[in-house]
C-alpha atoms as a PDB file:
ATOM      1  CA  VAL A   1       2.337 -14.648  10.401  1.00  0.00           C
ATOM      2  CA  GLN A   2       1.887 -15.314   6.696  1.00  0.00           C
ATOM      3  CA  LEU A   3      -0.995 -13.922   4.662  1.00  0.00           C
ATOM      4  CA  VAL A   4      -2.104 -15.408   1.344  1.00  0.00           C
ATOM      5  CA  GLU A   5      -4.665 -13.587  -0.787  1.00  0.00           C
ATOM      6  CA  SER A   6      -6.839 -14.848  -3.606  1.00  0.00           C
ATOM      7  CA  GLY A   7      -9.742 -13.706  -5.713  1.00  0.00           C
ATOM      8  CA  GLY A   8      -8.472 -10.786  -7.746  1.00  0.00           C
ATOM      9  CA  GLY A   9      -9.093 -10.444 -11.454  1.00  0.00           C
ATOM     10  CA  VAL A  10     -10.623  -8.382 -14.212  1.00  0.00           C
ATOM     11  CA  VAL A  11     -14.266  -7.361 -14.099  1.00  0.00           C
ATOM     12  CA  GLN A  12     -16.472  -4.881 -15.901  1.00  0.00           C
ATOM     13  CA  ALA A  13     -17.803  -1.823 -14.147  1.00  0.00           C
ATOM     14  CA  GLY A  14     -20.837  -2.731 -12.070  1.00  0.00           C
ATOM     15  CA  GLY A  15     -19.586  -6.244 -11.492  1.00  0.00           C
ATOM     16  CA  SER A  16     -18.511  -8.028  -8.333  1.00  0.00           C
ATOM     17  CA  LEU A  17     -15.438  -9.756  -6.960  1.00  0.00           C
ATOM     18  CA  ARG A  18     -14.697 -11.483  -3.682  1.00  0.00           C
ATOM     19  CA  LEU A  19     -11.231 -11.374  -2.182  1.00  0.00           C
ATOM     20  CA  SER A  20     -10.073 -13.828   0.457  1.00  0.00           C
ATOM     21  CA  CYS A  21      -7.048 -13.839   2.733  1.00  0.00           C
ATOM     22  CA  THR A  22      -5.940 -16.685   4.973  1.00  0.00           C
ATOM     23  CA  ALA A  23      -3.474 -16.237   7.800  1.00  0.00           C
ATOM     24  CA  SER A  24      -1.097 -18.919   9.007  1.00  0.00           C
ATOM     25  CA  GLY A  25       1.668 -19.121  11.569  1.00  0.00           C
ATOM     26  CA  SER A  26       1.242 -17.378  14.925  1.00  0.00           C
ATOM     27  CA  VAL A  27      -2.431 -16.667  14.314  1.00  0.00           C
ATOM     28  CA  PHE A  28      -3.461 -16.797  17.973  1.00  0.00           C
ATOM     29  CA  SER A  29      -2.203 -13.258  18.478  1.00  0.00           C
ATOM     30  CA  ILE A  30      -3.854 -11.702  15.433  1.00  0.00           C
ATOM     31  CA  THR A  31      -6.060  -8.709  16.152  1.00  0.00           C
ATOM     32  CA  THR A  32      -7.504  -6.496  13.442  1.00  0.00           C
ATOM     33  CA  MET A  33      -7.509  -7.759   9.867  1.00  0.00           C
ATOM     34  CA  ALA A  34      -7.895  -5.357   6.997  1.00  0.00           C
ATOM     35  CA  TRP A  35      -7.704  -4.736   3.274  1.00  0.00           C
ATOM     36  CA  TYR A  36      -5.663  -1.924   1.775  1.00  0.00           C
ATOM     37  CA  ARG A  37      -5.237  -0.971  -1.852  1.00  0.00           C
ATOM     38  CA  GLN A  38      -2.699   0.890  -3.910  1.00  0.00           C
ATOM     39  CA  ALA A  39      -3.382   2.287  -7.353  1.00  0.00           C
ATOM     40  CA  PRO A  40      -0.542   3.275  -9.706  1.00  0.00           C
ATOM     41  CA  GLY A  41       1.025   6.552  -8.617  1.00  0.00           C
ATOM     42  CA  LYS A  42      -1.027   6.712  -5.422  1.00  0.00           C
ATOM     43  CA  GLN A  43      -0.405   5.969  -1.785  1.00  0.00           C
ATOM     44  CA  ARG A  44      -1.647   2.791  -0.180  1.00  0.00           C
ATOM     45  CA  GLU A  45      -5.010   3.398   1.469  1.00  0.00           C
ATOM     46  CA  LEU A  46      -7.254   1.566   3.895  1.00  0.00           C
ATOM     47  CA  VAL A  47     -10.300  -0.002   2.261  1.00  0.00           C
ATOM     48  CA  ALA A  48     -11.900  -1.864   5.159  1.00  0.00           C
ATOM     49  CA  ALA A  49     -10.967  -3.321   8.523  1.00  0.00           C
ATOM     50  CA  ILE A  50     -12.540  -5.739  10.984  1.00  0.00           C
ATOM     51  CA  THR A  51     -11.655  -6.444  14.606  1.00  0.00           C
ATOM     52  CA  ASN A  52     -11.666  -9.759  16.422  1.00  0.00           C
ATOM     53  CA  GLY A  53     -15.095  -8.870  17.723  1.00  0.00           C
ATOM     54  CA  GLY A  54     -16.495  -8.069  14.304  1.00  0.00           C
ATOM     55  CA  ASP A  55     -16.475  -4.279  14.427  1.00  0.00           C
ATOM     56  CA  THR A  56     -15.921  -2.883  10.935  1.00  0.00           C
ATOM     57  CA  ASN A  57     -14.579   0.297   9.410  1.00  0.00           C
ATOM     58  CA  TYR A  58     -14.773   1.335   5.748  1.00  0.00           C
ATOM     59  CA  ALA A  59     -13.296   4.009   3.544  1.00  0.00           C
ATOM     60  CA  ASP A  60     -15.972   6.481   2.494  1.00  0.00           C
ATOM     61  CA  SER A  61     -15.369   5.608  -1.148  1.00  0.00           C
ATOM     62  CA  VAL A  62     -16.478   1.984  -0.673  1.00  0.00           C
ATOM     63  CA  LYS A  63     -19.243   2.290   1.921  1.00  0.00           C
ATOM     64  CA  GLY A  64     -22.407   0.584   0.760  1.00  0.00           C
ATOM     65  CA  ARG A  65     -20.552  -1.338  -1.962  1.00  0.00           C
ATOM     66  CA  PHE A  66     -17.921  -3.403  -0.139  1.00  0.00           C
ATOM     67  CA  THR A  67     -18.406  -5.742   2.817  1.00  0.00           C
ATOM     68  CA  ILE A  68     -15.622  -7.137   4.975  1.00  0.00           C
ATOM     69  CA  SER A  69     -16.194 -10.330   6.937  1.00  0.00           C
ATOM     70  CA  ARG A  70     -14.100 -12.645   9.006  1.00  0.00           C
ATOM     71  CA  ASP A  71     -14.030 -16.308   9.987  1.00  0.00           C
ATOM     72  CA  ASN A  72     -11.929 -16.494  13.127  1.00  0.00           C
ATOM     73  CA  ALA A  73     -12.024 -20.296  13.192  1.00  0.00           C
ATOM     74  CA  LYS A  74     -10.405 -20.399   9.743  1.00  0.00           C
ATOM     75  CA  ASN A  75      -8.229 -17.283  10.226  1.00  0.00           C
ATOM     76  CA  THR A  76      -9.710 -15.903   7.041  1.00  0.00           C
ATOM     77  CA  VAL A  77     -10.945 -12.488   6.041  1.00  0.00           C
ATOM     78  CA  HIS A  78     -13.059 -11.770   2.973  1.00  0.00           C
ATOM     79  CA  LEU A  79     -13.845  -8.622   1.040  1.00  0.00           C
ATOM     80  CA  GLN A  80     -17.021  -8.748  -1.028  1.00  0.00           C
ATOM     81  CA  MET A  81     -16.864  -5.991  -3.621  1.00  0.00           C
ATOM     82  CA  ASN A  82     -20.055  -5.067  -5.469  1.00  0.00           C
ATOM     83  CA  SER A  83     -20.885  -2.292  -7.922  1.00  0.00           C
ATOM     84  CA  LEU A  84     -17.237  -2.013  -8.833  1.00  0.00           C
ATOM     85  CA  LYS A  85     -15.997   1.158 -10.501  1.00  0.00           C
ATOM     86  CA  PRO A  86     -12.919   1.787 -12.657  1.00  0.00           C
ATOM     87  CA  GLU A  87     -11.477   3.843  -9.789  1.00  0.00           C
ATOM     88  CA  ASP A  88     -11.439   0.667  -7.664  1.00  0.00           C
ATOM     89  CA  THR A  89      -8.648  -0.646  -9.890  1.00  0.00           C
ATOM     90  CA  ALA A  90      -5.617  -1.301  -7.693  1.00  0.00           C
ATOM     91  CA  VAL A  91      -3.493  -3.936  -6.054  1.00  0.00           C
ATOM     92  CA  TYR A  92      -5.321  -5.061  -2.932  1.00  0.00           C
ATOM     93  CA  TYR A  93      -3.306  -6.102   0.108  1.00  0.00           C
ATOM     94  CA  CYS A  94      -4.378  -8.079   3.127  1.00  0.00           C
ATOM     95  CA  TYR A  95      -3.060  -6.749   6.429  1.00  0.00           C
ATOM     96  CA  THR A  96      -2.969  -7.853  10.035  1.00  0.00           C
ATOM     97  CA  LYS A  97      -1.204  -7.014  13.252  1.00  0.00           C
ATOM     98  CA  SER A  98       0.279  -9.427  15.750  1.00  0.00           C
ATOM     99  CA  TRP A  99       2.312  -8.486  18.842  1.00  0.00           C
ATOM    100  CA  SER A 100       2.734  -4.951  17.481  1.00  0.00           C
ATOM    101  CA  GLN A 101       4.175  -6.288  14.212  1.00  0.00           C
ATOM    102  CA  ASN A 102       2.542  -5.427  10.902  1.00  0.00           C
ATOM    103  CA  TYR A 103       2.088  -8.156   8.313  1.00  0.00           C
ATOM    104  CA  TRP A 104       1.141  -7.823   4.645  1.00  0.00           C
ATOM    105  CA  GLY A 105       0.081 -10.227   1.965  1.00  0.00           C
ATOM    106  CA  GLN A 106       1.702 -10.264  -1.459  1.00  0.00           C
ATOM    107  CA  GLY A 107      -1.167  -8.374  -3.065  1.00  0.00           C
ATOM    108  CA  THR A 108      -3.772  -9.294  -5.638  1.00  0.00           C
ATOM    109  CA  GLN A 109      -4.628  -7.211  -8.695  1.00  0.00           C
ATOM    110  CA  VAL A 110      -8.173  -5.987  -9.208  1.00  0.00           C
ATOM    111  CA  THR A 111      -8.887  -4.356 -12.546  1.00  0.00           C
ATOM    112  CA  VAL A 112     -12.266  -2.805 -13.325  1.00  0.00           C
ATOM    113  CA  SER A 113     -12.864  -1.975 -16.969  1.00  0.00           C
ATOM    114  CA  SER A 114     -15.284   0.725 -18.074  1.00  0.00           C
END
């Protein structure tokens, strides 16, 4: 499985960005898709996840501001990020699992200026 992300960039605090991730390869076995992020000097953390059936899970720090969605027909997952804060600055990684193997995208930088 290959994951390709897009949509990162620089935005002012309070602004919005939308990240997208498209999976290719052995996509028939993909289960949960998720977004993680890693800020400089910090551990990678889960931001949001969505199952095949559409059940979602969010980090407390992004609840009410971020929305994860999924298009199973296009093997794509999106992360709509609103009301962005400087502390959201990080490299965002797309993640999925297939046949007990973990797969990661290359990462996309999100920078929120104050």
